Amino acid sequence: MSGGSIPRLVIAAPSSGAGKTTVATGLMAAFAEAGLVVSPHKVGPDYIDPGYHSLATGRPGRNLDAYLCGPERIAPLFLHGAAGADLALVEGVMGLFDGASGMGELSSTAQVAKLLRAPVVLVVDASSQSRSVAALVHGFASWDPEVRLAGVILNKVGSDRHEQLLREAMDSSGVPVLGALRRDGRAGTPSRHLGLVPVAERRAEAVESVGELAARVRAGCDLQALLALAHTVPELPEAAWDPAAELAPADGAAATEKPLIAVAGGAAFTFSYAEHAELLAAAGAEVAPFDPLRDEQLPPGAQGLVIGGGFPEMYAPDLSANAPLRAEVAALAASGAPVSAECAGLLYLSRSLDGKPMCGVLPAESRMTERLTLGYREAVALRDNALAAPGTRVRGHEFHRTVLEPGAGADPAWGLTHPERRLEGFVSGGVHASYLHVHWAAEPSLAGRLVASAAQAAPAGSTVR
C-alpha cells in the first residue's frame, strides 16, 4: 500500500456536543486493540482531544487546520503523520460545515474531508428525535455533493425500541447506519473552562475512560463495515510533508554539536503541535523535554527554551514554589538565549499569575478572568527577533481566559491585523512571548531562526558568552 492510499475516515457531527470525541476516540482505541496501527488526527487547532487520541493509539495526535497551515498543506501533513499506519481516523471540529468565521468552508471538517478525499461518518445525537434523524442526515448528505457522507453512527440512543425507530427512519435515507451507542455517562471525560481536562492531568483515569469507550464502540458499531469503508479511498497525489526538506541544519551549529533546546511539558504545559519538535530537530537542534512542575533545573546545557500553552493557572502555586527553576529560566532569558513562549508560556514568564510569583522575565502581571478570548488571528512581526524576521506574516489562534497587564511591551511580539488591529506580546533580547498559538509547519523559518540563535548562545549555567 502506498502512502497516498492510507485507509481513512473522517468522524464528523451536525454540531458540537453530539459525541464526536467519544466516538472517534473509542474507534481509535478499538481498532488499535484489534492490532491495527491507527494514526489519529484532529481538525482545527484543538490541543486537548489529540491527547486522548494519542492515548488510544500510541501515536502522536496531529492537527489538520487549513486556516493555520493553508489548505495546500493538509494532505501533506496528513501523509506525514499517517506514515506506516494501517488506518487513519480524523476527528472533525464543531459541525461538519462550520469553519473559520466569515470565511466560508475554510478550516471546516467538510473542507478537510474533501482535501483528504475521505468518506465522512456522521455522529448524530439521537436523544430527542426518531424519524427526524433521516431528514437531518438527508440535509447534511445533500448540502455539498463533493462531501461523501458515507455512514451514520447514532449516539445517545435511549432504548432498543428507540434504536428500531431510528433505523427504520434511516432505511429510506440512503445512508447506512454503521453503529448505535446507548446513553452512558460512565466513560465520560471531565471538562472545565477550556474544554476537556487534558490526559496529562488525569492519566490513570483517562486510560480507564478510553478503555470503556473502546468497549462501547466494539459493542455498538460495525467495525468491519467501518474498516471496509475506510479502504474505499483513492490515492492522494500529494507528497508527504517532510521537516528535513523544510529546513537545513541551522547556520552556526557545528555538524557534531547540536544546540540543545529545552521544551516545557508536563501537566501545566500540554499544548504543542508534534511538528514543532520535528522542525527543531530538522533545523539541527537536540530537543530536551522537561517538566516545570517537577524539574528544578533546565536540561543541562540548554541554549534555548520553548514554553508552549497549557493550564498554568491550575498549577500556579506549584509553579511558583519551584523557585530554582524560575531562577534558571530568568537567567537563561537574561543571557540573551532564544526563548519562545506561547500563551501559558507567556504567563509563566510574567511577574505573577493570580498573585503567585512567576519567572519575572516580562514586566507584566497575569490573572484568571471569566472572559473567554477565542478565535483565529492574522499577525505580522514588526521587528527583528529570535523567532521571526520583520515582516513575517502568520496566522494563529488565541484560546484563554486570562489577561496580561500590560498586553504588549515596548517591542511587541506581533502586530495583529485581523480580525482586529492591535499590538500583542513582548520581544526583549532573545525572548519572544505572546498569547498567539502559531503552527510552525506553515512558517518553518520560525524554527530555523530559533535554532540558529540558540547555536550562538552560551549553555544554561555558563558564565562565558
Protein backbone atom coordinates (compact mmCIF):
# COMPACT_ATOMS: atom_id res chain seq x y z
CA MET A 1 0.00 0.00 0.00
CA SER A 2 1.45 3.38 -0.99
CA GLY A 3 1.45 6.27 1.46
CA GLY A 4 -1.19 8.15 -0.51
CA SER A 5 -3.73 5.30 -0.27
CA ILE A 6 -3.82 5.02 3.51
CA PRO A 7 -7.33 3.84 4.54
CA ARG A 8 -9.06 6.77 6.25
CA LEU A 9 -12.31 8.05 7.70
CA VAL A 10 -13.46 11.45 8.93
CA ILE A 11 -15.68 11.37 12.03
CA ALA A 12 -17.98 14.42 11.96
CA ALA A 13 -21.22 15.64 13.51
CA PRO A 14 -24.04 18.11 12.81
CA SER A 15 -22.90 20.26 15.74
CA SER A 16 -20.69 20.36 18.80
CA GLY A 17 -21.82 18.16 21.67
CA ALA A 18 -23.04 15.24 19.55
CA GLY A 19 -20.26 12.93 20.75
CA LYS A 20 -17.53 13.18 18.10
CA THR A 21 -14.69 12.84 20.60
CA THR A 22 -16.39 9.93 22.36
CA VAL A 23 -16.91 8.02 19.12
CA ALA A 24 -13.62 8.96 17.44
CA THR A 25 -11.53 8.08 20.49
CA GLY A 26 -13.46 4.85 21.02
CA LEU A 27 -12.96 3.84 17.40
CA MET A 28 -9.25 4.62 17.57
CA ALA A 29 -8.85 2.53 20.70
CA ALA A 30 -10.99 -0.34 19.41
CA PHE A 31 -9.08 -0.63 16.14
CA ALA A 32 -5.75 -0.31 17.94
CA GLU A 33 -6.72 -3.05 20.38
CA ALA A 34 -7.58 -5.21 17.35
CA GLY A 35 -3.96 -4.96 16.26
CA LEU A 36 -4.14 -2.17 13.66
CA VAL A 37 -1.66 0.70 13.60
CA VAL A 38 -4.01 3.68 13.86
CA SER A 39 -2.99 7.24 13.00
CA PRO A 40 -5.06 9.84 14.93
CA HIS A 41 -5.84 13.32 13.59
CA LYS A 42 -7.97 16.28 14.69
CA VAL A 43 -9.43 19.05 12.53
CA GLY A 44 -8.76 22.53 13.91
CA PRO A 45 -6.37 23.98 16.49
CA ASP A 46 -7.52 21.87 19.46
CA TYR A 47 -4.69 20.58 21.68
CA ILE A 48 -6.70 18.53 24.18
CA ASP A 49 -8.55 15.94 22.06
CA PRO A 50 -5.28 14.79 20.40
CA GLY A 51 -4.01 13.83 23.85
CA TYR A 52 -6.85 11.32 24.18
CA HIS A 53 -6.26 10.17 20.60
CA SER A 54 -2.60 9.55 21.40
CA LEU A 55 -3.53 7.57 24.48
CA ALA A 56 -5.92 5.44 22.40
CA THR A 57 -3.43 4.69 19.62
CA GLY A 58 0.09 5.06 20.99
CA ARG A 59 0.93 7.55 18.22
CA PRO A 60 1.11 11.36 18.32
CA GLY A 61 -2.24 13.07 17.87
CA ARG A 62 -1.85 15.51 14.98
CA ASN A 63 -3.86 18.56 13.95
CA LEU A 64 -5.13 19.40 10.47
CA ASP A 65 -6.00 23.11 10.36
CA ALA A 66 -6.48 24.68 6.94
CA TYR A 67 -6.61 28.19 8.39
CA LEU A 68 -3.35 27.93 10.32
CA CYS A 69 -1.42 25.87 7.76
CA GLY A 70 -3.16 26.53 4.46
CA PRO A 71 -5.35 24.06 2.51
CA GLU A 72 -2.35 23.06 0.39
CA ARG A 73 -0.58 21.55 3.43
CA ILE A 74 -3.46 19.44 4.75
CA ALA A 75 -2.83 16.33 2.65
CA PRO A 76 0.99 16.53 3.00
CA LEU A 77 0.74 16.90 6.80
CA PHE A 78 -1.77 14.05 6.93
CA LEU A 79 0.51 11.78 4.90
CA HIS A 80 3.46 12.66 7.12
CA GLY A 81 1.56 11.89 10.31
CA ALA A 82 -0.09 8.73 8.98
CA ALA A 83 3.06 7.19 7.51
CA GLY A 84 3.20 3.47 8.32
CA ALA A 85 -0.38 3.31 9.60
CA ASP A 86 -2.98 0.68 8.70
CA LEU A 87 -5.81 3.14 9.27
CA ALA A 88 -6.17 6.90 9.83
CA LEU A 89 -9.09 8.40 11.72
CA VAL A 90 -9.76 12.14 11.61
CA GLU A 91 -12.00 13.71 14.26
CA GLY A 92 -13.81 16.79 12.99
CA VAL A 93 -14.46 20.12 14.68
CA MET A 94 -17.82 21.73 15.55
CA GLY A 95 -20.48 20.95 12.92
CA LEU A 96 -19.46 19.34 9.63
CA PHE A 97 -19.71 22.57 7.62
CA ASP A 98 -18.62 25.05 10.33
CA GLY A 99 -15.31 26.80 9.59
CA ALA A 100 -13.42 30.00 10.27
CA SER A 101 -15.87 32.81 10.93
CA GLY A 102 -16.84 34.69 7.78
CA MET A 103 -14.55 32.60 5.53
CA GLY A 104 -16.91 30.05 4.06
CA GLU A 105 -15.73 26.46 4.31
CA LEU A 106 -12.15 27.36 5.28
CA SER A 107 -10.91 25.16 8.14
CA SER A 108 -14.17 23.20 8.32
CA THR A 109 -14.34 19.45 8.68
CA ALA A 110 -16.02 19.32 5.26
CA GLN A 111 -13.08 21.09 3.63
CA VAL A 112 -10.56 18.76 5.25
CA ALA A 113 -12.60 15.70 4.20
CA LYS A 114 -12.55 16.93 0.60
CA LEU A 115 -8.82 17.69 0.70
CA LEU A 116 -8.19 14.16 2.01
CA ARG A 117 -10.73 12.58 -0.36
CA ALA A 118 -12.06 10.76 2.69
CA PRO A 119 -15.56 9.42 3.43
CA VAL A 120 -17.40 11.06 6.32
CA VAL A 121 -19.17 9.19 9.11
CA LEU A 122 -21.70 11.45 10.83
CA VAL A 123 -22.21 11.08 14.59
CA VAL A 124 -25.80 12.11 15.35
CA ASP A 125 -27.17 12.88 18.79
CA ALA A 126 -30.41 10.93 18.55
CA SER A 127 -31.55 11.56 22.12
CA SER A 128 -34.54 13.76 21.26
CA GLN A 129 -35.67 12.51 17.86
CA SER A 130 -36.79 9.47 15.89
CA ARG A 131 -37.93 9.88 12.25
CA SER A 132 -36.47 13.38 12.09
CA VAL A 133 -33.00 11.87 12.11
CA ALA A 134 -33.50 10.86 8.46
CA ALA A 135 -34.35 14.42 7.45
CA LEU A 136 -31.32 15.75 9.29
CA VAL A 137 -28.97 13.25 7.65
CA HIS A 138 -30.53 13.85 4.24
CA GLY A 139 -29.82 17.57 4.59
CA PHE A 140 -26.19 17.01 5.52
CA ALA A 141 -25.71 14.41 2.79
CA SER A 142 -27.08 16.68 0.04
CA TRP A 143 -25.66 20.06 1.14
CA ASP A 144 -22.30 19.69 -0.62
CA PRO A 145 -22.10 16.98 -3.31
CA GLU A 146 -18.29 16.96 -3.00
CA VAL A 147 -18.54 15.72 0.58
CA ARG A 148 -19.09 11.96 0.67
CA LEU A 149 -21.31 11.30 3.68
CA ALA A 150 -20.99 7.53 3.72
CA GLY A 151 -22.42 6.43 7.05
CA VAL A 152 -24.04 7.39 10.33
CA ILE A 153 -23.39 6.43 13.95
CA LEU A 154 -26.40 7.07 16.17
CA ASN A 155 -25.31 8.30 19.60
CA LYS A 156 -27.21 8.66 22.89
CA VAL A 157 -29.86 6.13 21.88
CA GLY A 158 -32.36 5.59 24.69
CA SER A 159 -33.58 2.00 24.25
CA ASP A 160 -33.95 -0.93 21.88
CA ARG A 161 -37.31 0.48 20.73
CA HIS A 162 -35.74 3.90 20.13
CA GLU A 163 -32.97 2.30 18.06
CA GLN A 164 -35.53 0.37 15.99
CA LEU A 165 -37.42 3.60 15.17
CA LEU A 166 -34.20 5.37 14.22
CA ARG A 167 -33.03 2.54 11.97
CA GLU A 168 -36.44 2.32 10.26
CA ALA A 169 -36.30 6.04 9.54
CA MET A 170 -32.77 5.78 8.20
CA ASP A 171 -33.68 2.90 5.84
CA SER A 172 -35.13 5.42 3.37
CA SER A 173 -32.25 7.90 3.60
CA GLY A 174 -29.73 6.00 1.52
CA VAL A 175 -27.07 6.47 4.20
CA PRO A 176 -26.24 3.28 6.13
CA VAL A 177 -26.28 3.12 9.93
CA LEU A 178 -22.84 1.88 10.99
CA GLY A 179 -23.41 1.97 14.73
CA ALA A 180 -25.76 2.84 17.57
CA LEU A 181 -24.49 3.77 21.04
CA ARG A 182 -26.64 3.95 24.16
CA ARG A 183 -26.65 6.88 26.55
CA ASP A 184 -23.90 6.18 29.05
CA GLY A 185 -22.00 8.64 31.24
CA ARG A 186 -19.59 6.11 32.72
CA ALA A 187 -16.93 6.66 30.05
CA GLY A 188 -17.16 10.43 30.15
CA THR A 189 -14.21 12.79 30.22
CA PRO A 190 -14.40 15.72 32.65
CA SER A 191 -14.45 19.28 31.36
CA ARG A 192 -13.55 22.72 32.68
CA HIS A 193 -13.10 26.27 31.38
CA LEU A 194 -11.26 25.44 28.10
CA GLY A 195 -12.80 22.04 27.34
CA LEU A 196 -11.81 18.53 28.38
CA VAL A 197 -9.27 18.03 31.15
CA PRO A 198 -6.01 17.05 29.40
CA VAL A 199 -4.74 13.47 29.61
CA ALA A 200 -1.54 14.58 31.36
CA GLU A 201 -3.61 15.73 34.36
CA ARG A 202 -5.60 12.51 34.82
CA ARG A 203 -3.66 9.77 33.07
CA ALA A 204 -4.85 6.79 35.14
CA GLU A 205 -8.50 7.84 34.86
CA ALA A 206 -8.04 8.67 31.18
CA VAL A 207 -6.67 5.20 30.44
CA GLU A 208 -9.76 3.70 32.09
CA SER A 209 -12.09 6.06 30.19
CA VAL A 210 -10.50 5.25 26.83
CA GLY A 211 -10.81 1.53 27.57
CA GLU A 212 -14.50 1.95 28.34
CA LEU A 213 -15.01 3.95 25.14
CA ALA A 214 -13.38 1.18 23.13
CA ALA A 215 -15.68 -1.41 24.72
CA ARG A 216 -18.78 0.69 23.96
CA VAL A 217 -17.75 1.18 20.34
CA ARG A 218 -16.99 -2.53 19.86
CA ALA A 219 -20.43 -3.38 21.22
CA GLY A 220 -22.36 -0.76 19.25
CA CYS A 221 -20.53 -0.23 15.95
CA ASP A 222 -19.92 -2.38 12.90
CA LEU A 223 -16.12 -2.19 12.91
CA GLN A 224 -15.77 -4.39 9.84
CA ALA A 225 -18.09 -2.16 7.82
CA LEU A 226 -16.25 0.94 9.00
CA LEU A 227 -12.89 -0.56 8.09
CA ALA A 228 -14.18 -1.61 4.69
CA LEU A 229 -15.44 1.93 4.11
CA ALA A 230 -12.02 3.32 5.04
CA HIS A 231 -10.47 1.17 2.32
CA THR A 232 -12.62 2.73 -0.42
CA VAL A 233 -10.47 5.87 -0.66
CA PRO A 234 -8.48 6.95 -3.70
CA GLU A 235 -4.75 7.60 -3.58
CA LEU A 236 -3.70 11.11 -2.60
CA PRO A 237 -1.39 12.63 -5.24
CA GLU A 238 0.44 14.94 -2.83
CA ALA A 239 3.85 14.15 -1.33
CA ALA A 240 4.16 13.78 2.43
CA TRP A 241 5.34 16.82 4.36
CA ASP A 242 9.00 16.39 5.33
CA PRO A 243 10.52 18.58 8.07
CA ALA A 244 14.00 17.71 6.87
CA ALA A 245 13.16 19.15 3.45
CA GLU A 246 11.73 22.31 5.02
CA LEU A 247 14.89 23.32 6.88
CA ALA A 248 18.61 22.76 6.63
CA PRO A 249 20.69 22.49 9.83
CA ALA A 250 20.98 25.92 11.44
CA ASP A 251 23.82 28.20 10.46
CA GLY A 252 26.34 28.35 13.26
CA ALA A 253 25.60 24.85 14.56
CA ALA A 254 28.66 22.63 14.22
CA ALA A 255 27.97 19.33 12.50
CA THR A 256 28.92 17.41 15.65
CA GLU A 257 27.41 19.83 18.17
CA LYS A 258 23.68 20.43 18.13
CA PRO A 259 22.28 23.36 20.15
CA LEU A 260 20.09 21.98 22.91
CA ILE A 261 16.54 23.38 23.01
CA ALA A 262 14.62 22.74 26.24
CA VAL A 263 10.88 22.21 25.66
CA ALA A 264 8.47 22.58 28.59
CA GLY A 265 5.94 19.80 29.12
CA GLY A 266 4.13 18.05 31.96
CA ALA A 267 0.64 18.73 33.23
CA ALA A 268 0.94 22.53 33.16
CA PHE A 269 2.18 22.79 29.57
CA THR A 270 0.32 20.26 27.42
CA PHE A 271 -0.40 22.39 24.33
CA SER A 272 2.02 21.70 21.49
CA TYR A 273 2.00 20.52 17.89
CA ALA A 274 4.08 17.42 17.17
CA GLU A 275 5.57 19.09 14.10
CA HIS A 276 7.30 21.76 16.22
CA ALA A 277 9.76 19.34 17.81
CA GLU A 278 10.29 17.70 14.42
CA LEU A 279 11.14 21.07 12.85
CA LEU A 280 13.53 21.95 15.67
CA ALA A 281 15.33 18.64 15.13
CA ALA A 282 15.35 19.16 11.36
CA ALA A 283 16.91 22.59 11.87
CA GLY A 284 19.80 21.00 13.76
CA ALA A 285 18.70 21.09 17.40
CA GLU A 286 18.67 18.49 20.12
CA VAL A 287 15.22 18.64 21.74
CA ALA A 288 15.13 18.06 25.50
CA PRO A 289 11.74 17.93 27.26
CA PHE A 290 11.39 18.93 30.90
CA ASP A 291 8.56 19.43 33.41
CA PRO A 292 8.42 22.80 35.23
CA LEU A 293 6.28 21.19 37.93
CA ARG A 294 8.93 18.59 38.79
CA ASP A 295 12.35 19.63 37.48
CA GLU A 296 14.31 22.18 39.48
CA GLN A 297 16.80 22.74 36.67
CA LEU A 298 16.66 23.22 32.93
CA PRO A 299 18.13 20.35 30.91
CA PRO A 300 21.93 20.67 31.28
CA GLY A 301 23.48 22.74 28.52
CA ALA A 302 20.22 24.30 27.30
CA GLN A 303 20.87 27.07 24.77
CA GLY A 304 17.24 27.84 24.01
CA LEU A 305 13.79 27.37 25.52
CA VAL A 306 10.30 26.71 24.15
CA ILE A 307 7.31 27.04 26.50
CA GLY A 308 4.00 26.28 24.84
CA GLY A 309 0.42 26.52 26.00
CA GLY A 310 -1.47 24.74 28.72
CA PHE A 311 -3.04 25.41 32.10
CA PRO A 312 -0.55 27.23 34.33
CA GLU A 313 -3.48 28.87 36.13
CA MET A 314 -4.36 25.43 37.53
CA TYR A 315 -0.83 24.96 38.84
CA ALA A 316 0.25 28.48 39.75
CA PRO A 317 1.13 27.60 43.40
CA ASP A 318 3.29 24.63 42.32
CA LEU A 319 4.98 26.52 39.50
CA SER A 320 5.69 29.38 41.88
CA ALA A 321 7.06 27.03 44.54
CA ASN A 322 9.69 25.75 42.10
CA ALA A 323 11.89 28.80 42.72
CA PRO A 324 15.15 27.17 41.50
CA LEU A 325 13.71 26.54 38.04
CA ARG A 326 12.14 30.01 37.86
CA ALA A 327 15.56 31.48 38.58
CA GLU A 328 17.18 29.35 35.85
CA VAL A 329 14.57 30.40 33.30
CA ALA A 330 15.09 34.05 34.22
CA ALA A 331 18.87 33.68 33.96
CA LEU A 332 18.67 31.99 30.55
CA ALA A 333 16.40 34.76 29.27
CA ALA A 334 18.72 37.44 30.68
CA SER A 335 21.66 35.84 28.87
CA GLY A 336 20.07 36.62 25.51
CA ALA A 337 19.39 32.99 24.62
CA PRO A 338 16.26 32.48 22.49
CA VAL A 339 13.06 31.86 24.45
CA SER A 340 9.77 31.25 22.62
CA ALA A 341 6.67 31.37 24.84
CA GLU A 342 3.04 30.96 23.78
CA CYS A 343 0.01 31.64 25.98
CA ALA A 344 0.76 29.55 29.10
CA GLY A 345 4.45 30.22 28.49
CA LEU A 346 3.70 33.94 28.35
CA LEU A 347 2.03 33.75 31.78
CA TYR A 348 4.92 31.72 33.20
CA LEU A 349 7.38 34.43 32.12
CA SER A 350 5.34 37.22 33.71
CA ARG A 351 5.98 38.65 37.17
CA SER A 352 2.99 36.91 38.71
CA LEU A 353 -0.03 34.73 37.94
CA ASP A 354 -3.05 35.23 40.21
CA GLY A 355 -0.69 36.79 42.76
CA LYS A 356 1.82 33.92 42.72
CA PRO A 357 5.39 34.86 41.70
CA MET A 358 6.41 33.54 38.28
CA CYS A 359 9.73 33.92 36.42
CA GLY A 360 9.71 37.73 36.30
CA VAL A 361 11.14 37.86 32.77
CA LEU A 362 8.35 40.14 31.49
CA PRO A 363 7.26 43.43 33.10
CA ALA A 364 3.63 42.30 33.35
CA GLU A 365 1.13 40.70 35.73
CA SER A 366 -1.30 37.95 34.72
CA ARG A 367 -4.56 36.73 36.20
CA MET A 368 -7.51 34.45 35.54
CA THR A 369 -10.83 36.01 34.40
CA GLU A 370 -14.33 34.84 33.42
CA ARG A 371 -13.96 36.13 29.85
CA LEU A 372 -13.04 33.70 27.10
CA THR A 373 -10.76 35.02 24.35
CA LEU A 374 -11.09 32.68 21.39
CA GLY A 375 -10.51 32.89 17.66
CA TYR A 376 -8.23 32.90 14.67
CA ARG A 377 -5.87 35.82 14.17
CA GLU A 378 -3.60 37.21 11.46
CA ALA A 379 -0.39 38.90 12.56
CA VAL A 380 2.88 40.37 11.34
CA ALA A 381 6.29 40.56 13.03
CA LEU A 382 7.12 44.24 13.48
CA ARG A 383 10.84 43.98 14.17
CA ASP A 384 13.71 41.52 14.11
CA ASN A 385 13.63 38.90 16.88
CA ALA A 386 14.82 35.39 17.69
CA LEU A 387 11.68 33.79 16.23
CA ALA A 388 10.60 35.88 13.24
CA ALA A 389 12.16 38.23 10.73
CA PRO A 390 10.48 41.64 10.43
CA GLY A 391 7.52 41.48 8.06
CA THR A 392 6.89 37.76 8.63
CA ARG A 393 3.15 37.17 8.36
CA VAL A 394 1.50 34.34 10.25
CA ARG A 395 -1.93 33.01 11.10
CA GLY A 396 -2.53 31.98 14.68
CA HIS A 397 -5.12 31.17 17.30
CA GLU A 398 -5.99 32.60 20.71
CA PHE A 399 -7.66 30.47 23.39
CA HIS A 400 -7.54 31.61 27.02
CA ARG A 401 -9.44 33.01 29.99
CA THR A 402 -6.54 35.01 31.40
CA VAL A 403 -5.41 38.57 30.88
CA LEU A 404 -1.94 40.10 30.94
CA GLU A 405 -1.41 43.69 32.03
CA PRO A 406 0.03 45.30 30.01
CA GLY A 407 -0.83 43.17 26.99
CA ALA A 408 2.16 44.33 24.96
CA GLY A 409 5.66 45.56 25.67
CA ALA A 410 7.62 48.45 24.23
CA ASP A 411 8.62 46.00 21.48
CA PRO A 412 5.51 43.87 20.78
CA ALA A 413 5.79 40.28 19.55
CA TRP A 414 3.15 40.79 16.87
CA GLY A 415 1.01 43.40 15.27
CA LEU A 416 -2.40 41.77 14.86
CA THR A 417 -4.03 42.69 11.55
CA HIS A 418 -7.23 40.61 11.52
CA PRO A 419 -9.96 40.49 12.76
CA GLU A 420 -8.80 43.46 14.84
CA ARG A 421 -5.74 45.65 14.80
CA ARG A 422 -3.70 45.78 18.00
CA LEU A 423 -0.23 45.18 19.38
CA GLU A 424 0.34 41.96 21.28
CA GLY A 425 3.07 40.26 23.28
CA PHE A 426 6.68 41.01 24.11
CA VAL A 427 10.09 40.96 22.43
CA SER A 428 13.04 41.57 24.71
CA GLY A 429 16.55 40.34 23.97
CA GLY A 430 16.07 36.75 22.82
CA VAL A 431 12.57 36.46 24.33
CA HIS A 432 9.50 36.22 22.10
CA ALA A 433 6.34 35.85 24.21
CA SER A 434 2.74 36.05 23.03
CA TYR A 435 -0.78 34.73 23.53
CA LEU A 436 -0.80 33.69 19.87
CA HIS A 437 -0.51 29.97 19.07
CA VAL A 438 1.20 29.55 15.69
CA HIS A 439 1.64 26.30 13.75
CA TRP A 440 5.28 26.30 12.65
CA ALA A 441 4.61 23.94 9.72
CA ALA A 442 3.06 26.95 7.97
CA GLU A 443 6.21 29.03 8.58
CA PRO A 444 9.20 26.71 9.15
CA SER A 445 11.56 29.69 9.28
CA LEU A 446 10.40 30.25 12.87
CA ALA A 447 12.06 27.01 13.97
CA GLY A 448 15.12 27.73 11.85
CA ARG A 449 15.68 31.18 13.36
CA LEU A 450 15.22 29.85 16.89
CA VAL A 451 17.79 27.10 16.39
CA ALA A 452 20.23 29.41 14.62
CA SER A 453 20.01 31.84 17.53
CA ALA A 454 20.44 29.01 20.05
CA ALA A 455 23.60 27.86 18.26
CA GLN A 456 25.17 31.21 19.16
CA ALA A 457 24.03 31.18 22.79
CA ALA A 458 26.01 30.09 25.85
CA PRO A 459 24.59 26.98 27.54
CA ALA A 460 22.41 27.43 30.62
CA GLY A 461 24.56 27.94 33.68
CA SER A 462 27.55 29.19 31.66
CA THR A 463 29.24 32.40 32.73
CA VAL A 464 31.07 32.86 29.44
CA ARG A 465 29.50 34.13 26.21
